[in-house]
Amino acid sequence: MKLQFQKDILPHLIGVILFYLIVVLYFSPMVFDGKIIFQSDILQWEGSAKEVLDYRAATGEQALWTNRMFGGMPTYFISLEFAGDITNLLISVLTLGLPHPINGLFFGMLGMYVLLLSFQVRPIFSIAGAIAFSFNTYNLLSLEAGHNAKIWAVCLIPLILSSEQPFWHLDFCSNSNSITSKSPTTR
């Protein structure tokens, strides 16, 4: 099978470039001027993580518990770093170097674009759907509030669904009754 650039590659390349340009232009003060989005939950996080960050700076070790929040809790959800963790590098590559937290919106557009293409939606409509998905009011309000992990979770859903989509046509997935009616316990 021979790929034709104009038909097989160009629409997707245009989509990715358009996604990038939309994010860069919409958040141009952040990208070009180095400004940051005021996120109230992130400011609260800085106070919550202070004990953990101070301990890491003083000892070079990772604290696994903090007494600062809720009378004590694990630091896994506050500020835990793992040696050899390449997640940030991978995210930076996949989001073409966009700054945090707006990189999640770009990644959401990519994921929704892939999902819509997996449903055989034409690229032009997939691009429009991806933009609408990522720039919906919920994501923008969550971004302003500082719910960055929530934005990433929501924006990863389309990519996860697109990886499962090839299996949706299987007989046992065709409707909700199929799973129970074909179960060995109901025979």
N, C-alpha and C. Protein backbone atom coordinates (compact mmCIF):
# COMPACT_ATOMS: atom_id res chain seq x y z
N MET A 1 0.84 -1.18 0.00
CA MET A 1 0.00 0.00 0.00
C MET A 1 0.89 1.24 0.00
N LYS A 2 0.71 2.04 -0.99
CA LYS A 2 1.51 3.25 -1.13
C LYS A 2 0.76 4.44 -0.55
N LEU A 3 1.44 5.17 0.32
CA LEU A 3 0.83 6.35 0.94
C LEU A 3 0.94 7.54 -0.01
N GLN A 4 -0.16 8.26 -0.13
CA GLN A 4 -0.17 9.49 -0.90
C GLN A 4 -0.11 10.65 0.09
N PHE A 5 0.90 11.49 -0.06
CA PHE A 5 1.11 12.56 0.91
C PHE A 5 -0.12 13.45 1.06
N GLN A 6 -0.67 13.90 -0.06
CA GLN A 6 -1.78 14.86 0.01
C GLN A 6 -3.03 14.24 0.61
N LYS A 7 -3.26 12.98 0.40
CA LYS A 7 -4.48 12.34 0.88
C LYS A 7 -4.30 11.69 2.25
N ASP A 8 -3.18 11.04 2.47
CA ASP A 8 -3.00 10.21 3.66
C ASP A 8 -2.25 10.90 4.80
N ILE A 9 -1.41 11.86 4.50
CA ILE A 9 -0.58 12.47 5.54
C ILE A 9 -0.93 13.94 5.78
N LEU A 10 -1.15 14.69 4.73
CA LEU A 10 -1.36 16.13 4.84
C LEU A 10 -2.52 16.53 5.77
N PRO A 11 -3.69 15.88 5.71
CA PRO A 11 -4.77 16.30 6.62
C PRO A 11 -4.39 16.16 8.10
N HIS A 12 -3.66 15.11 8.42
CA HIS A 12 -3.26 14.90 9.81
C HIS A 12 -2.18 15.89 10.23
N LEU A 13 -1.28 16.18 9.34
CA LEU A 13 -0.24 17.17 9.61
C LEU A 13 -0.87 18.55 9.82
N ILE A 14 -1.83 18.89 8.98
CA ILE A 14 -2.54 20.17 9.14
C ILE A 14 -3.26 20.20 10.48
N GLY A 15 -3.88 19.09 10.86
CA GLY A 15 -4.59 19.02 12.14
C GLY A 15 -3.67 19.28 13.32
N VAL A 16 -2.53 18.62 13.35
CA VAL A 16 -1.59 18.79 14.47
C VAL A 16 -1.05 20.22 14.51
N ILE A 17 -0.71 20.76 13.35
CA ILE A 17 -0.22 22.15 13.30
C ILE A 17 -1.31 23.12 13.75
N LEU A 18 -2.54 22.88 13.32
CA LEU A 18 -3.65 23.74 13.72
C LEU A 18 -3.89 23.67 15.23
N PHE A 19 -3.84 22.47 15.80
CA PHE A 19 -4.00 22.32 17.25
C PHE A 19 -2.93 23.12 17.99
N TYR A 20 -1.70 22.99 17.52
CA TYR A 20 -0.58 23.68 18.16
C TYR A 20 -0.77 25.20 18.07
N LEU A 21 -1.13 25.67 16.89
CA LEU A 21 -1.32 27.12 16.71
C LEU A 21 -2.46 27.66 17.56
N ILE A 22 -3.54 26.91 17.66
CA ILE A 22 -4.68 27.36 18.47
C ILE A 22 -4.28 27.51 19.93
N VAL A 23 -3.58 26.51 20.46
CA VAL A 23 -3.16 26.57 21.86
C VAL A 23 -2.17 27.71 22.07
N VAL A 24 -1.21 27.83 21.17
CA VAL A 24 -0.20 28.89 21.31
C VAL A 24 -0.83 30.27 21.22
N LEU A 25 -1.74 30.47 20.29
CA LEU A 25 -2.37 31.79 20.14
C LEU A 25 -3.33 32.09 21.28
N TYR A 26 -4.11 31.10 21.71
CA TYR A 26 -5.07 31.33 22.79
C TYR A 26 -4.36 31.66 24.10
N PHE A 27 -3.25 30.97 24.33
CA PHE A 27 -2.47 31.18 25.55
C PHE A 27 -1.18 31.94 25.26
N SER A 28 -1.21 32.87 24.31
CA SER A 28 0.01 33.58 23.91
C SER A 28 0.68 34.34 25.05
N PRO A 29 -0.04 34.95 25.99
CA PRO A 29 0.67 35.60 27.10
C PRO A 29 1.51 34.61 27.90
N MET A 30 1.04 33.40 28.01
CA MET A 30 1.78 32.39 28.76
C MET A 30 2.97 31.87 27.96
N VAL A 31 2.75 31.66 26.67
CA VAL A 31 3.80 31.09 25.82
C VAL A 31 4.89 32.11 25.50
N PHE A 32 4.50 33.33 25.14
CA PHE A 32 5.47 34.31 24.66
C PHE A 32 5.98 35.25 25.75
N ASP A 33 5.14 35.60 26.70
CA ASP A 33 5.53 36.58 27.72
C ASP A 33 5.91 35.96 29.05
N GLY A 34 5.79 34.64 29.17
CA GLY A 34 6.16 33.97 30.40
C GLY A 34 5.19 34.18 31.55
N LYS A 35 4.00 34.67 31.25
CA LYS A 35 3.00 34.86 32.30
C LYS A 35 2.44 33.51 32.72
N ILE A 36 1.86 33.48 33.90
CA ILE A 36 1.28 32.23 34.39
C ILE A 36 -0.20 32.43 34.67
N ILE A 37 -0.93 31.34 34.65
CA ILE A 37 -2.35 31.37 34.97
C ILE A 37 -2.47 31.30 36.49
N PHE A 38 -3.23 32.22 37.06
CA PHE A 38 -3.47 32.17 38.50
C PHE A 38 -4.39 30.98 38.78
N GLN A 39 -3.88 29.99 39.48
CA GLN A 39 -4.63 28.79 39.80
C GLN A 39 -4.67 28.65 41.32
N SER A 40 -5.84 28.85 41.89
CA SER A 40 -5.95 28.88 43.35
C SER A 40 -5.55 27.55 43.99
N ASP A 41 -5.91 26.44 43.38
CA ASP A 41 -5.55 25.15 43.97
C ASP A 41 -4.05 24.89 43.93
N ILE A 42 -3.37 25.44 42.94
CA ILE A 42 -1.92 25.28 42.86
C ILE A 42 -1.25 26.10 43.96
N LEU A 43 -1.78 27.29 44.25
CA LEU A 43 -1.25 28.08 45.36
C LEU A 43 -1.44 27.34 46.68
N GLN A 44 -2.57 26.71 46.86
CA GLN A 44 -2.80 25.92 48.07
C GLN A 44 -1.86 24.72 48.11
N TRP A 45 -1.57 24.13 46.95
CA TRP A 45 -0.66 23.00 46.89
C TRP A 45 0.72 23.40 47.37
N GLU A 46 1.16 24.60 46.98
CA GLU A 46 2.49 25.04 47.40
C GLU A 46 2.62 25.06 48.91
N GLY A 47 1.57 25.47 49.60
CA GLY A 47 1.59 25.42 51.06
C GLY A 47 1.54 24.01 51.59
N SER A 48 0.79 23.15 50.94
CA SER A 48 0.67 21.76 51.38
C SER A 48 1.96 20.98 51.16
N ALA A 49 2.65 21.30 50.08
CA ALA A 49 3.85 20.54 49.72
C ALA A 49 5.12 21.11 50.34
N LYS A 50 5.04 22.22 51.04
CA LYS A 50 6.23 22.88 51.57
C LYS A 50 7.06 21.96 52.44
N GLU A 51 6.42 21.23 53.35
CA GLU A 51 7.15 20.33 54.24
C GLU A 51 7.92 19.28 53.44
N VAL A 52 7.28 18.71 52.43
CA VAL A 52 7.91 17.67 51.61
C VAL A 52 9.06 18.26 50.80
N LEU A 53 8.84 19.42 50.20
CA LEU A 53 9.88 20.05 49.39
C LEU A 53 11.07 20.48 50.24
N ASP A 54 10.82 21.01 51.43
CA ASP A 54 11.91 21.39 52.34
C ASP A 54 12.71 20.18 52.76
N TYR A 55 12.04 19.08 53.07
CA TYR A 55 12.72 17.85 53.48
C TYR A 55 13.59 17.32 52.33
N ARG A 56 13.07 17.34 51.11
CA ARG A 56 13.82 16.87 49.95
C ARG A 56 15.04 17.75 49.71
N ALA A 57 14.88 19.06 49.87
CA ALA A 57 16.00 19.99 49.66
C ALA A 57 17.07 19.82 50.74
N ALA A 58 16.65 19.55 51.97
CA ALA A 58 17.60 19.44 53.08
C ALA A 58 18.33 18.11 53.10
N THR A 59 17.64 17.02 52.78
CA THR A 59 18.25 15.70 52.93
C THR A 59 18.56 15.01 51.60
N GLY A 60 17.92 15.43 50.54
CA GLY A 60 18.09 14.74 49.27
C GLY A 60 17.26 13.47 49.17
N GLU A 61 16.50 13.18 50.21
CA GLU A 61 15.66 11.99 50.23
C GLU A 61 14.20 12.37 50.01
N GLN A 62 13.42 11.38 49.64
CA GLN A 62 12.00 11.60 49.39
C GLN A 62 11.19 11.24 50.63
N ALA A 63 10.42 12.19 51.13
CA ALA A 63 9.51 11.92 52.25
C ALA A 63 8.28 11.21 51.69
N LEU A 64 7.86 10.15 52.35
CA LEU A 64 6.68 9.42 51.91
C LEU A 64 5.44 9.75 52.72
N TRP A 65 5.59 10.62 53.73
CA TRP A 65 4.49 11.00 54.59
C TRP A 65 4.61 12.47 54.93
N THR A 66 3.49 13.14 55.02
CA THR A 66 3.49 14.53 55.45
C THR A 66 2.46 14.71 56.56
N ASN A 67 2.78 15.53 57.51
CA ASN A 67 1.85 15.84 58.59
C ASN A 67 1.06 17.10 58.29
N ARG A 68 1.31 17.71 57.17
CA ARG A 68 0.77 19.03 56.87
C ARG A 68 -0.70 19.01 56.42
N MET A 69 -1.12 17.96 55.76
CA MET A 69 -2.49 17.91 55.23
C MET A 69 -3.32 16.86 55.95
N PHE A 70 -4.53 17.21 56.30
CA PHE A 70 -5.51 16.29 56.86
C PHE A 70 -4.98 15.53 58.07
N GLY A 71 -4.12 16.12 58.84
CA GLY A 71 -3.57 15.46 60.01
C GLY A 71 -2.58 14.36 59.66
N GLY A 72 -2.10 14.32 58.45
CA GLY A 72 -1.13 13.35 58.00
C GLY A 72 -1.66 12.52 56.85
N MET A 73 -0.84 12.38 55.81
CA MET A 73 -1.23 11.56 54.66
C MET A 73 0.00 11.24 53.83
N PRO A 74 -0.09 10.21 52.96
CA PRO A 74 1.03 9.89 52.07
C PRO A 74 1.30 11.03 51.09
N THR A 75 2.53 11.14 50.66
CA THR A 75 2.90 12.22 49.75
C THR A 75 2.71 11.85 48.28
N TYR A 76 2.18 10.69 47.99
CA TYR A 76 2.02 10.26 46.60
C TYR A 76 1.18 11.24 45.79
N PHE A 77 0.22 11.90 46.43
CA PHE A 77 -0.65 12.81 45.72
C PHE A 77 -0.24 14.26 45.88
N ILE A 78 0.85 14.51 46.56
CA ILE A 78 1.27 15.88 46.81
C ILE A 78 2.52 16.21 46.01
N SER A 79 3.62 15.55 46.33
CA SER A 79 4.88 15.84 45.65
C SER A 79 5.83 14.68 45.83
N LEU A 80 5.69 13.69 44.98
CA LEU A 80 6.56 12.52 45.06
C LEU A 80 7.33 12.42 43.76
N GLU A 81 8.63 12.34 43.87
CA GLU A 81 9.48 12.20 42.69
C GLU A 81 10.15 10.84 42.73
N PHE A 82 10.24 10.21 41.58
CA PHE A 82 10.88 8.91 41.46
C PHE A 82 12.17 9.07 40.67
N ALA A 83 13.21 8.36 41.08
CA ALA A 83 14.46 8.39 40.34
C ALA A 83 14.25 7.71 38.99
N GLY A 84 14.75 8.30 37.94
CA GLY A 84 14.64 7.72 36.61
C GLY A 84 13.29 7.90 35.96
N ASP A 85 12.43 8.75 36.51
CA ASP A 85 11.10 8.98 35.94
C ASP A 85 11.24 9.84 34.68
N ILE A 86 10.79 9.31 33.56
CA ILE A 86 10.89 10.04 32.29
C ILE A 86 9.54 10.58 31.83
N THR A 87 8.56 10.58 32.72
CA THR A 87 7.21 11.02 32.36
C THR A 87 7.21 12.45 31.84
N ASN A 88 7.88 13.35 32.54
CA ASN A 88 7.89 14.76 32.11
C ASN A 88 8.56 14.93 30.76
N LEU A 89 9.62 14.17 30.51
CA LEU A 89 10.28 14.23 29.21
C LEU A 89 9.35 13.73 28.11
N LEU A 90 8.66 12.63 28.37
CA LEU A 90 7.73 12.06 27.40
C LEU A 90 6.59 13.03 27.12
N ILE A 91 6.04 13.63 28.16
CA ILE A 91 4.95 14.61 27.97
C ILE A 91 5.45 15.80 27.16
N SER A 92 6.65 16.26 27.44
CA SER A 92 7.21 17.40 26.70
C SER A 92 7.36 17.08 25.22
N VAL A 93 7.79 15.87 24.91
CA VAL A 93 7.94 15.47 23.50
C VAL A 93 6.58 15.35 22.83
N LEU A 94 5.63 14.68 23.49
CA LEU A 94 4.31 14.47 22.90
C LEU A 94 3.51 15.75 22.73
N THR A 95 3.77 16.74 23.56
CA THR A 95 3.04 18.01 23.46
C THR A 95 3.88 19.10 22.79
N LEU A 96 4.93 18.70 22.12
CA LEU A 96 5.77 19.60 21.33
C LEU A 96 6.32 20.76 22.14
N GLY A 97 6.64 20.50 23.40
CA GLY A 97 7.28 21.49 24.25
C GLY A 97 6.37 22.56 24.81
N LEU A 98 5.07 22.40 24.69
CA LEU A 98 4.16 23.40 25.27
C LEU A 98 4.29 23.41 26.78
N PRO A 99 4.15 24.58 27.40
CA PRO A 99 4.32 24.66 28.85
C PRO A 99 3.13 24.04 29.60
N HIS A 100 3.44 23.61 30.82
CA HIS A 100 2.41 23.11 31.71
C HIS A 100 1.64 24.31 32.24
N PRO A 101 0.37 24.30 32.37
CA PRO A 101 -0.62 23.25 32.25
C PRO A 101 -1.35 23.20 30.91
N ILE A 102 -1.02 24.09 29.96
CA ILE A 102 -1.78 24.11 28.72
C ILE A 102 -1.45 22.94 27.80
N ASN A 103 -0.37 22.22 28.09
CA ASN A 103 -0.02 21.07 27.27
C ASN A 103 -1.10 19.99 27.33
N GLY A 104 -1.84 19.93 28.42
CA GLY A 104 -2.92 18.95 28.54
C GLY A 104 -4.03 19.19 27.53
N LEU A 105 -4.34 20.45 27.26
CA LEU A 105 -5.37 20.77 26.28
C LEU A 105 -4.93 20.36 24.88
N PHE A 106 -3.66 20.58 24.55
CA PHE A 106 -3.13 20.15 23.25
C PHE A 106 -3.19 18.64 23.13
N PHE A 107 -2.80 17.95 24.19
CA PHE A 107 -2.83 16.49 24.17
C PHE A 107 -4.26 15.98 24.06
N GLY A 108 -5.20 16.69 24.68
CA GLY A 108 -6.61 16.32 24.56
C GLY A 108 -7.10 16.43 23.13
N MET A 109 -6.65 17.46 22.42
CA MET A 109 -7.04 17.59 21.02
C MET A 109 -6.47 16.44 20.20
N LEU A 110 -5.22 16.08 20.46
CA LEU A 110 -4.63 14.96 19.73
C LEU A 110 -5.40 13.67 19.99
N GLY A 111 -5.72 13.42 21.26
CA GLY A 111 -6.43 12.20 21.62
C GLY A 111 -7.81 12.13 21.01
N MET A 112 -8.57 13.22 21.06
CA MET A 112 -9.91 13.23 20.47
C MET A 112 -9.84 13.11 18.96
N TYR A 113 -8.83 13.69 18.34
CA TYR A 113 -8.65 13.56 16.90
C TYR A 113 -8.44 12.10 16.52
N VAL A 114 -7.59 11.41 17.27
CA VAL A 114 -7.35 9.99 17.01
C VAL A 114 -8.63 9.18 17.22
N LEU A 115 -9.37 9.47 18.29
CA LEU A 115 -10.62 8.75 18.55
C LEU A 115 -11.62 8.94 17.42
N LEU A 116 -11.81 10.17 16.99
CA LEU A 116 -12.77 10.42 15.92
C LEU A 116 -12.33 9.77 14.61
N LEU A 117 -11.04 9.77 14.33
CA LEU A 117 -10.55 9.08 13.14
C LEU A 117 -10.79 7.58 13.23
N SER A 118 -10.68 7.02 14.44
CA SER A 118 -10.91 5.58 14.60
C SER A 118 -12.37 5.22 14.37
N PHE A 119 -13.27 6.21 14.47
CA PHE A 119 -14.69 6.01 14.15
C PHE A 119 -15.00 6.36 12.70
N GLN A 120 -13.97 6.50 11.89
CA GLN A 120 -14.09 6.80 10.46
C GLN A 120 -14.70 8.18 10.18
N VAL A 121 -14.53 9.12 11.10
CA VAL A 121 -14.97 10.50 10.88
C VAL A 121 -13.94 11.18 9.98
N ARG A 122 -14.41 11.96 9.03
CA ARG A 122 -13.49 12.64 8.12
C ARG A 122 -12.56 13.57 8.90
N PRO A 123 -11.32 13.74 8.44
CA PRO A 123 -10.35 14.54 9.18
C PRO A 123 -10.81 15.96 9.51
N ILE A 124 -11.51 16.63 8.60
CA ILE A 124 -11.93 18.01 8.87
C ILE A 124 -12.90 18.06 10.04
N PHE A 125 -13.80 17.09 10.12
CA PHE A 125 -14.75 17.05 11.24
C PHE A 125 -14.07 16.55 12.51
N SER A 126 -13.07 15.69 12.36
CA SER A 126 -12.30 15.23 13.52
C SER A 126 -11.53 16.39 14.14
N ILE A 127 -11.00 17.26 13.29
CA ILE A 127 -10.28 18.44 13.79
C ILE A 127 -11.23 19.34 14.56
N ALA A 128 -12.41 19.60 13.99
CA ALA A 128 -13.39 20.46 14.66
C ALA A 128 -13.85 19.85 15.98
N GLY A 129 -14.10 18.55 15.99
CA GLY A 129 -14.52 17.88 17.22
C GLY A 129 -13.45 17.90 18.28
N ALA A 130 -12.20 17.74 17.87
CA ALA A 130 -11.09 17.75 18.82
C ALA A 130 -10.92 19.13 19.46
N ILE A 131 -11.07 20.16 18.67
CA ILE A 131 -10.97 21.52 19.21
C ILE A 131 -12.11 21.79 20.18
N ALA A 132 -13.32 21.39 19.80
CA ALA A 132 -14.48 21.60 20.67
C ALA A 132 -14.33 20.82 21.98
N PHE A 133 -13.80 19.60 21.89
CA PHE A 133 -13.61 18.79 23.09
C PHE A 133 -12.63 19.44 24.05
N SER A 134 -11.50 19.86 23.53
CA SER A 134 -10.44 20.35 24.39
C SER A 134 -10.72 21.75 24.94
N PHE A 135 -11.39 22.57 24.16
CA PHE A 135 -11.66 23.94 24.60
C PHE A 135 -13.09 24.11 25.13
N ASN A 136 -13.64 23.04 25.69
CA ASN A 136 -14.97 23.19 26.28
C ASN A 136 -14.85 23.96 27.59
N THR A 137 -15.97 24.47 28.05
CA THR A 137 -15.98 25.32 29.23
C THR A 137 -15.45 24.59 30.46
N TYR A 138 -15.78 23.31 30.59
CA TYR A 138 -15.35 22.54 31.76
C TYR A 138 -13.82 22.51 31.86
N ASN A 139 -13.15 22.25 30.75
CA ASN A 139 -11.68 22.21 30.77
C ASN A 139 -11.09 23.58 31.08
N LEU A 140 -11.64 24.63 30.51
CA LEU A 140 -11.10 25.96 30.75
C LEU A 140 -11.32 26.41 32.19
N LEU A 141 -12.48 26.08 32.76
CA LEU A 141 -12.72 26.42 34.17
C LEU A 141 -11.83 25.58 35.09
N SER A 142 -11.63 24.32 34.74
CA SER A 142 -10.74 23.47 35.53
C SER A 142 -9.31 23.97 35.47
N LEU A 143 -8.91 24.47 34.32
CA LEU A 143 -7.57 25.04 34.16
C LEU A 143 -7.40 26.26 35.05
N GLU A 144 -8.41 27.10 35.09
CA GLU A 144 -8.35 28.31 35.92
C GLU A 144 -8.32 27.96 37.40
N ALA A 145 -9.01 26.89 37.78
CA ALA A 145 -9.04 26.50 39.19
C ALA A 145 -7.77 25.78 39.63
N GLY A 146 -7.01 25.27 38.67
CA GLY A 146 -5.79 24.55 39.01
C GLY A 146 -5.98 23.05 39.09
N HIS A 147 -7.03 22.54 38.50
CA HIS A 147 -7.29 21.10 38.51
C HIS A 147 -6.58 20.44 37.33
N ASN A 148 -5.28 20.55 37.31
CA ASN A 148 -4.48 20.10 36.18
C ASN A 148 -4.53 18.59 36.00
N ALA A 149 -4.50 17.84 37.09
CA ALA A 149 -4.57 16.38 36.97
C ALA A 149 -5.91 15.95 36.41
N LYS A 150 -6.97 16.66 36.78
CA LYS A 150 -8.30 16.34 36.24
C LYS A 150 -8.34 16.60 34.74
N ILE A 151 -7.74 17.68 34.30
CA ILE A 151 -7.71 17.99 32.87
C ILE A 151 -6.98 16.88 32.12
N TRP A 152 -5.85 16.45 32.66
CA TRP A 152 -5.11 15.37 32.01
C TRP A 152 -5.92 14.08 31.99
N ALA A 153 -6.62 13.79 33.07
CA ALA A 153 -7.45 12.58 33.11
C ALA A 153 -8.54 12.64 32.05
N VAL A 154 -9.22 13.76 31.95
CA VAL A 154 -10.29 13.91 30.96
C VAL A 154 -9.71 13.85 29.55
N CYS A 155 -8.58 14.48 29.33
CA CYS A 155 -7.99 14.53 28.00
C CYS A 155 -7.35 13.21 27.58
N LEU A 156 -7.08 12.33 28.51
CA LEU A 156 -6.55 11.00 28.15
C LEU A 156 -7.66 10.02 27.79
N ILE A 157 -8.89 10.30 28.19
CA ILE A 157 -10.00 9.37 27.92
C ILE A 157 -10.16 9.07 26.43
N PRO A 158 -10.16 10.05 25.52
CA PRO A 158 -10.33 9.71 24.11
C PRO A 158 -9.23 8.79 23.57
N LEU A 159 -8.01 9.00 24.01
CA LEU A 159 -6.92 8.15 23.55
C LEU A 159 -7.09 6.72 24.05
N ILE A 160 -7.53 6.58 25.29
CA ILE A 160 -7.78 5.25 25.84
C ILE A 160 -8.92 4.58 25.09
N LEU A 161 -10.00 5.32 24.84
CA LEU A 161 -11.13 4.76 24.10
C LEU A 161 -10.74 4.37 22.68
N SER A 162 -9.89 5.16 22.05
CA SER A 162 -9.47 4.83 20.68
C SER A 162 -8.64 3.56 20.65
N SER A 163 -7.93 3.27 21.72
CA SER A 163 -7.16 2.02 21.75
C SER A 163 -8.07 0.81 21.94
N GLU A 164 -9.24 1.01 22.53
CA GLU A 164 -10.19 -0.08 22.75
C GLU A 164 -11.18 -0.21 21.60
N GLN A 165 -11.32 0.80 20.77
CA GLN A 165 -12.33 0.83 19.72
C GLN A 165 -12.29 -0.36 18.78
N PRO A 166 -11.14 -0.90 18.38
CA PRO A 166 -11.16 -2.05 17.47
C PRO A 166 -11.89 -3.27 18.03
N PHE A 167 -12.06 -3.34 19.33
CA PHE A 167 -12.69 -4.51 19.94
C PHE A 167 -14.18 -4.31 20.18
N TRP A 168 -14.72 -3.13 19.91
CA TRP A 168 -16.12 -2.84 20.20
C TRP A 168 -17.08 -3.62 19.31
N HIS A 169 -16.63 -4.07 18.16
CA HIS A 169 -17.52 -4.78 17.25
C HIS A 169 -17.70 -6.25 17.63
N LEU A 170 -16.91 -6.73 18.56
CA LEU A 170 -17.00 -8.13 18.95
C LEU A 170 -18.37 -8.43 19.52
N ASP A 171 -18.81 -9.65 19.33
CA ASP A 171 -20.18 -10.03 19.68
C ASP A 171 -20.50 -9.80 21.15
N PHE A 172 -19.57 -10.10 22.03
CA PHE A 172 -19.87 -9.96 23.46
C PHE A 172 -19.93 -8.50 23.90
N CYS A 173 -19.51 -7.59 23.05
CA CYS A 173 -19.57 -6.16 23.41
C CYS A 173 -20.71 -5.43 22.70
N SER A 174 -21.54 -6.15 21.96
CA SER A 174 -22.52 -5.46 21.13
C SER A 174 -23.62 -4.77 21.91
N ASN A 175 -24.02 -5.31 23.05
CA ASN A 175 -24.98 -4.60 23.90
C ASN A 175 -24.84 -5.07 25.33
N SER A 176 -25.51 -4.39 26.22
CA SER A 176 -25.31 -4.67 27.64
C SER A 176 -25.83 -6.03 28.05
N ASN A 177 -26.81 -6.57 27.35
CA ASN A 177 -27.35 -7.88 27.70
C ASN A 177 -26.45 -9.02 27.25
N SER A 178 -25.61 -8.77 26.28
CA SER A 178 -24.78 -9.84 25.74
C SER A 178 -23.83 -10.41 26.78
N ILE A 179 -23.30 -9.58 27.62
CA ILE A 179 -22.32 -10.05 28.59
C ILE A 179 -22.96 -11.05 29.55
N THR A 180 -24.14 -10.73 30.04
CA THR A 180 -24.78 -11.64 30.99
C THR A 180 -25.41 -12.83 30.29
N SER A 181 -25.93 -12.66 29.08
CA SER A 181 -26.60 -13.77 28.42
C SER A 181 -25.62 -14.82 27.93
N LYS A 182 -24.37 -14.47 27.72
CA LYS A 182 -23.38 -15.44 27.26
C LYS A 182 -22.47 -15.91 28.39
N SER A 183 -22.79 -15.50 29.57
CA SER A 183 -21.99 -15.91 30.71
C SER A 183 -22.26 -17.37 31.03
N PRO A 184 -21.23 -18.13 31.38
CA PRO A 184 -21.44 -19.54 31.74
C PRO A 184 -22.38 -19.71 32.94
N THR A 185 -22.51 -18.69 33.74
CA THR A 185 -23.37 -18.83 34.92
C THR A 185 -24.85 -18.71 34.58
N THR A 186 -25.20 -18.24 33.38
CA THR A 186 -26.61 -18.09 33.02
C THR A 186 -27.09 -19.17 32.07
N ARG A 187 -26.28 -20.15 31.76
CA ARG A 187 -26.69 -21.22 30.83
C ARG A 187 -27.46 -22.28 31.54
